[in-house]
Amino acid sequence: MTTSRRSLPHGFTLLELLIVVAVMAILATIVMVVWGTVRYSANKLACANNIRQIHLILLSHAKDHNGRLMTTSRVWNDTLRFPNAAYVKGPKAEAANELSFVSLDNYLDFKQTDNYDGNFKFVRLMRMWACPIYHAKGGNSGEPAGSGFTVPEGNGNSYITCSYAYLAGVSTWSPTEKEGCADVITDRRPDANKLILADSTIRWSNQLWYVSHFKAGEGGVLPIDRVRVKRAFDGANQLFGDGHLRYKPASEFDIDAMHDNTPGPNYARNTIDRWYF
């Protein structure tokens, strides 16, 4: 008589498990790389759209004020030219000679969240004023390249920091501030060939770099290190008076001159800081 033997089920061997784990790890790595690339591209596009919207708001305000644009802010009682600053409280905010979000109230959808000093609605800017690439990496809103950090100064004035540099009213700048850039920065009226907005690229008091656009695996706060800046910096959006926008890659910046803090074209400066564009 013939007896039949039923084959018993068996589990995976160690080798099979290792192969499955290795395949899953490879797939996860591929997904993360692709997702990071897609996310960066989407944030880069969103950043460009932010700048275009800001430009339209500024032009709408200028149209109602004889075509004249507000100038780049000078903070701390006119001692520091600060393209990233917009006034939100005080005589400067009300006068609107310099970039002021109080004067843009009719053109921008504010989120008023709480009282400031009991007599002024503290304005928190919309997401359009913060570069999504910088903030996707957890950029601190208290840093110069961030958005939403309010700084009180003397004479009752307060300003808020933004991700984008506003460059206008160059005829009102001091000779030192406009050295090397007077021919490329907007004055009081939009000009097709003059820069008006750009992603923030700041050398801060010979201590740190703050850049809005940086390569994968890097961050927006960098040491004053030539090799690190060359490795990390990706470039910046630039928008001109007629609305055309270009992305200036890092290869078109003079990283060596930026690192050495030597005078040259395409920067705006004050006593301790420089903005490159």
Protein backbone atom coordinates (compact mmCIF):
# COMPACT_ATOMS: atom_id res chain seq x y z
CA MET A 1 0.00 0.00 0.00
CA THR A 2 1.33 3.44 -0.98
CA THR A 3 1.15 6.20 1.61
CA SER A 4 1.02 9.88 0.49
CA ARG A 5 2.97 12.56 2.33
CA ARG A 6 1.53 16.08 2.56
CA SER A 7 4.14 18.81 2.14
CA LEU A 8 4.23 21.00 5.19
CA PRO A 9 4.18 24.82 4.78
CA HIS A 10 7.43 26.58 5.58
CA GLY A 11 8.33 30.24 6.29
CA PHE A 12 10.76 32.52 4.50
CA THR A 13 14.41 31.73 4.74
CA LEU A 14 16.79 34.32 6.17
CA LEU A 15 18.15 35.03 2.69
CA GLU A 16 14.65 35.67 1.30
CA LEU A 17 13.87 38.07 4.15
CA LEU A 18 17.11 39.96 3.58
CA ILE A 19 16.31 40.29 -0.13
CA VAL A 20 12.80 41.63 0.63
CA VAL A 21 14.19 44.15 3.15
CA ALA A 22 16.86 45.30 0.68
CA VAL A 23 14.30 45.79 -2.10
CA MET A 24 12.01 47.76 0.23
CA ALA A 25 14.92 49.95 1.32
CA ILE A 26 15.85 50.69 -2.30
CA LEU A 27 12.25 51.53 -3.19
CA ALA A 28 11.92 53.79 -0.13
CA THR A 29 15.12 55.64 -1.10
CA ILE A 30 13.88 56.14 -4.66
CA VAL A 31 10.52 57.44 -3.42
CA MET A 32 12.21 59.86 -1.00
CA VAL A 33 14.53 61.22 -3.71
CA VAL A 34 11.68 61.64 -6.19
CA TRP A 35 9.41 63.20 -3.56
CA GLY A 36 12.16 65.61 -2.51
CA THR A 37 12.71 66.67 -6.12
CA VAL A 38 9.00 67.12 -6.78
CA ARG A 39 8.54 69.03 -3.54
CA TYR A 40 11.46 71.33 -4.28
CA SER A 41 10.17 72.03 -7.79
CA ALA A 42 6.70 72.78 -6.45
CA ASN A 43 8.05 75.12 -3.78
CA LYS A 44 10.27 76.83 -6.34
CA LEU A 45 7.22 77.48 -8.53
CA ALA A 46 5.23 78.70 -5.52
CA CYS A 47 8.05 81.08 -4.64
CA ALA A 48 8.00 82.58 -8.14
CA ASN A 49 4.21 82.98 -7.90
CA ASN A 50 4.60 84.71 -4.53
CA ILE A 51 6.92 87.29 -6.03
CA ARG A 52 4.58 87.91 -8.97
CA GLN A 53 1.65 88.49 -6.59
CA ILE A 54 3.68 90.88 -4.47
CA HIS A 55 4.65 92.78 -7.61
CA LEU A 56 1.00 93.19 -8.62
CA ILE A 57 0.12 94.49 -5.16
CA LEU A 58 2.95 97.02 -5.27
CA LEU A 59 1.93 98.19 -8.74
CA SER A 60 -1.71 98.55 -7.66
CA HIS A 61 -0.62 100.74 -4.76
CA ALA A 62 1.67 102.81 -7.01
CA LYS A 63 -1.12 103.33 -9.55
CA ASP A 64 -3.18 105.02 -6.84
CA HIS A 65 -0.21 107.19 -5.79
CA ASN A 66 0.80 108.91 -9.02
CA GLY A 67 2.74 105.89 -10.19
CA ARG A 68 5.30 106.23 -7.43
CA LEU A 69 6.62 103.22 -5.56
CA MET A 70 7.53 103.18 -1.89
CA THR A 71 11.27 103.00 -1.20
CA THR A 72 13.27 100.23 0.44
CA SER A 73 13.04 100.57 4.21
CA ARG A 74 15.76 102.15 6.35
CA VAL A 75 15.34 100.81 9.86
CA TRP A 76 16.67 101.73 13.30
CA ASN A 77 16.11 105.44 12.91
CA ASP A 78 17.43 105.55 9.35
CA THR A 79 20.76 103.88 10.13
CA LEU A 80 20.26 100.55 8.34
CA ARG A 81 19.00 99.93 4.80
CA PHE A 82 16.94 96.73 5.08
CA PRO A 83 15.34 95.39 1.86
CA ASN A 84 13.63 92.62 3.87
CA ALA A 85 11.75 95.03 6.14
CA ALA A 86 8.21 96.38 5.87
CA TYR A 87 6.79 98.75 8.48
CA VAL A 88 3.67 97.67 10.36
CA LYS A 89 3.38 100.30 13.08
CA GLY A 90 4.29 103.90 13.82
CA PRO A 91 4.87 107.13 11.89
CA LYS A 92 6.85 105.39 9.16
CA ALA A 93 4.09 102.87 8.57
CA GLU A 94 1.49 105.63 8.33
CA ALA A 95 3.60 107.88 6.10
CA ALA A 96 4.22 105.04 3.62
CA ASN A 97 7.30 106.67 2.14
CA GLU A 98 9.06 103.37 2.81
CA LEU A 99 7.62 99.89 2.32
CA SER A 100 4.64 99.71 4.65
CA PHE A 101 2.02 97.01 4.93
CA VAL A 102 -0.32 99.39 6.67
CA SER A 103 -0.57 101.36 3.43
CA LEU A 104 -1.12 98.12 1.48
CA ASP A 105 -4.10 97.16 3.65
CA ASN A 106 -6.55 97.72 0.79
CA TYR A 107 -4.54 95.55 -1.59
CA LEU A 108 -3.61 92.60 0.63
CA ASP A 109 -5.65 90.07 2.56
CA PHE A 110 -4.36 90.49 6.08
CA LYS A 111 -4.86 88.05 8.93
CA GLN A 112 -5.34 90.22 12.00
CA THR A 113 -4.68 88.00 14.97
CA ASP A 114 -4.28 90.12 18.09
CA ASN A 115 -3.73 93.60 19.47
CA TYR A 116 -0.29 95.12 19.29
CA ASP A 117 0.45 97.49 22.20
CA GLY A 118 -3.32 97.71 22.71
CA ASN A 119 -3.90 100.15 19.86
CA PHE A 120 -2.83 98.49 16.63
CA LYS A 121 -3.96 95.24 15.08
CA PHE A 122 -0.79 93.17 14.72
CA VAL A 123 -0.55 92.09 11.10
CA ARG A 124 0.73 88.64 10.24
CA LEU A 125 1.59 88.51 6.59
CA MET A 126 0.09 85.97 4.26
CA ARG A 127 2.14 83.00 3.20
CA MET A 128 3.02 84.77 -0.03
CA TRP A 129 5.60 86.87 1.84
CA ALA A 130 7.51 83.78 3.01
CA CYS A 131 9.63 81.73 0.60
CA PRO A 132 8.23 78.17 0.76
CA ILE A 133 11.66 76.64 0.08
CA TYR A 134 13.21 78.33 3.11
CA HIS A 135 10.29 77.47 5.36
CA ALA A 136 10.00 73.88 4.07
CA LYS A 137 13.31 73.25 5.84
CA GLY A 138 12.03 74.77 9.06
CA GLY A 139 13.45 78.26 8.63
CA ASN A 140 13.07 80.24 11.83
CA SER A 141 10.68 83.15 11.38
CA GLY A 142 12.99 85.17 13.61
CA GLU A 143 15.81 85.02 11.12
CA PRO A 144 16.39 87.76 8.54
CA ALA A 145 15.35 85.53 5.65
CA GLY A 146 12.13 84.59 7.39
CA SER A 147 8.71 86.16 7.55
CA GLY A 148 6.48 87.22 10.40
CA PHE A 149 9.13 88.38 12.88
CA THR A 150 8.21 91.82 14.21
CA VAL A 151 10.98 94.13 15.39
CA PRO A 152 10.17 97.22 17.48
CA GLU A 153 12.46 100.21 17.07
CA GLY A 154 12.58 103.76 18.35
CA ASN A 155 9.96 106.48 17.90
CA GLY A 156 7.09 104.00 18.03
CA ASN A 157 7.97 102.29 14.76
CA SER A 158 7.92 98.52 14.20
CA TYR A 159 8.74 96.52 11.10
CA ILE A 160 8.24 92.95 10.01
CA THR A 161 10.80 90.78 8.21
CA CYS A 162 10.05 89.10 4.88
CA SER A 163 11.64 86.42 2.71
CA TYR A 164 11.96 88.74 -0.27
CA ALA A 165 14.16 91.77 -0.79
CA TYR A 166 12.32 94.87 -2.01
CA LEU A 167 14.69 97.11 -3.97
CA ALA A 168 13.24 100.50 -4.91
CA GLY A 169 13.72 104.23 -4.55
CA VAL A 170 17.44 103.95 -5.23
CA SER A 171 17.75 107.73 -5.71
CA THR A 172 17.02 108.07 -1.98
CA TRP A 173 19.84 105.70 -1.02
CA SER A 174 23.18 106.95 0.24
CA PRO A 175 26.22 106.71 -2.06
CA THR A 176 27.52 103.80 0.01
CA GLU A 177 24.24 101.91 -0.09
CA LYS A 178 23.83 102.16 -3.84
CA GLU A 179 27.48 101.68 -4.76
CA GLY A 180 27.68 99.25 -7.67
CA CYS A 181 23.93 98.78 -8.01
CA ALA A 182 22.39 102.16 -8.85
CA ASP A 183 21.99 101.26 -12.53
CA VAL A 184 20.11 98.01 -11.92
CA ILE A 185 17.77 98.82 -9.02
CA THR A 186 14.34 100.42 -9.47
CA ASP A 187 13.85 104.05 -8.49
CA ARG A 188 10.40 105.49 -7.71
CA ARG A 189 8.69 104.19 -10.86
CA PRO A 190 8.69 100.67 -12.35
CA ASP A 191 11.25 100.13 -15.09
CA ALA A 192 11.44 97.09 -17.38
CA ASN A 193 15.20 96.83 -16.98
CA LYS A 194 15.44 97.51 -13.24
CA LEU A 195 15.27 94.97 -10.43
CA ILE A 196 12.45 95.44 -7.92
CA LEU A 197 12.08 92.12 -6.04
CA ALA A 198 14.39 89.19 -5.38
CA ASP A 199 14.81 86.19 -3.13
CA SER A 200 16.76 87.16 -0.06
CA THR A 201 20.50 86.44 -0.14
CA ILE A 202 22.08 88.10 2.90
CA ARG A 203 25.56 88.19 4.35
CA TRP A 204 24.78 89.05 7.95
CA SER A 205 27.41 90.95 9.92
CA ASN A 206 30.30 88.71 8.82
CA GLN A 207 28.82 85.87 10.85
CA LEU A 208 26.26 83.96 8.79
CA TRP A 209 24.66 83.66 5.37
CA TYR A 210 20.87 83.59 5.06
CA VAL A 211 19.69 82.32 1.68
CA SER A 212 16.16 81.45 0.58
CA HIS A 213 17.10 78.89 -2.08
CA PHE A 214 19.51 76.08 -1.25
CA LYS A 215 20.24 72.61 -2.57
CA ALA A 216 18.85 69.34 -1.24
CA GLY A 217 20.33 68.31 2.07
CA GLU A 218 21.44 71.85 2.90
CA GLY A 219 19.80 74.64 4.87
CA GLY A 220 19.15 78.34 4.54
CA VAL A 221 21.50 79.41 7.33
CA LEU A 222 25.15 78.96 6.37
CA PRO A 223 28.49 79.82 7.98
CA ILE A 224 30.87 82.26 6.30
CA ASP A 225 32.54 79.37 4.52
CA ARG A 226 33.40 79.60 0.83
CA VAL A 227 33.22 75.83 0.19
CA ARG A 228 29.95 75.42 2.09
CA VAL A 229 28.25 78.33 0.32
CA LYS A 230 29.33 77.04 -3.09
CA ARG A 231 27.98 73.62 -2.21
CA ALA A 232 24.69 74.79 -0.71
CA PHE A 233 23.54 77.94 -2.54
CA ASP A 234 21.19 77.23 -5.45
CA GLY A 235 20.25 80.68 -6.78
CA ALA A 236 17.50 83.29 -6.53
CA ASN A 237 14.39 84.55 -8.30
CA GLN A 238 14.63 88.08 -9.66
CA LEU A 239 11.70 90.19 -10.81
CA PHE A 240 11.92 93.39 -12.85
CA GLY A 241 9.65 96.39 -13.18
CA ASP A 242 7.76 95.11 -16.21
CA GLY A 243 6.90 91.87 -14.42
CA HIS A 244 9.34 89.52 -16.14
CA LEU A 245 10.94 87.07 -13.73
CA ARG A 246 14.12 85.06 -14.11
CA TYR A 247 15.85 82.51 -11.92
CA LYS A 248 19.50 83.44 -11.48
CA PRO A 249 21.44 80.24 -10.73
CA ALA A 250 24.31 80.13 -8.27
CA SER A 251 26.76 79.81 -11.18
CA GLU A 252 26.01 83.42 -12.14
CA PHE A 253 26.84 84.74 -8.67
CA ASP A 254 30.44 85.63 -7.78
CA ILE A 255 30.64 83.39 -4.72
CA ASP A 256 34.30 84.24 -4.12
CA ALA A 257 33.59 87.97 -4.00
CA MET A 258 30.56 87.34 -1.82
CA HIS A 259 32.64 85.27 0.59
CA ASP A 260 35.49 87.80 0.72
CA ASN A 261 33.00 90.64 1.20
CA THR A 262 34.78 92.66 -1.48
CA PRO A 263 33.06 95.54 -3.30
CA GLY A 264 31.54 94.77 -6.65
CA PRO A 265 28.40 95.03 -8.74
CA ASN A 266 25.09 93.42 -7.88
CA TYR A 267 24.88 93.97 -4.17
CA ALA A 268 23.19 96.41 -1.83
CA ARG A 269 24.92 97.20 1.41
CA ASN A 270 24.84 99.10 4.66
CA THR A 271 27.20 99.31 7.61
CA ILE A 272 27.11 95.61 8.56
CA ASP A 273 25.15 93.67 5.93
CA ARG A 274 24.98 92.97 2.21
CA TRP A 275 22.17 91.72 0.01
CA TYR A 276 23.28 90.02 -3.19
CA PHE A 277 21.19 89.73 -6.34
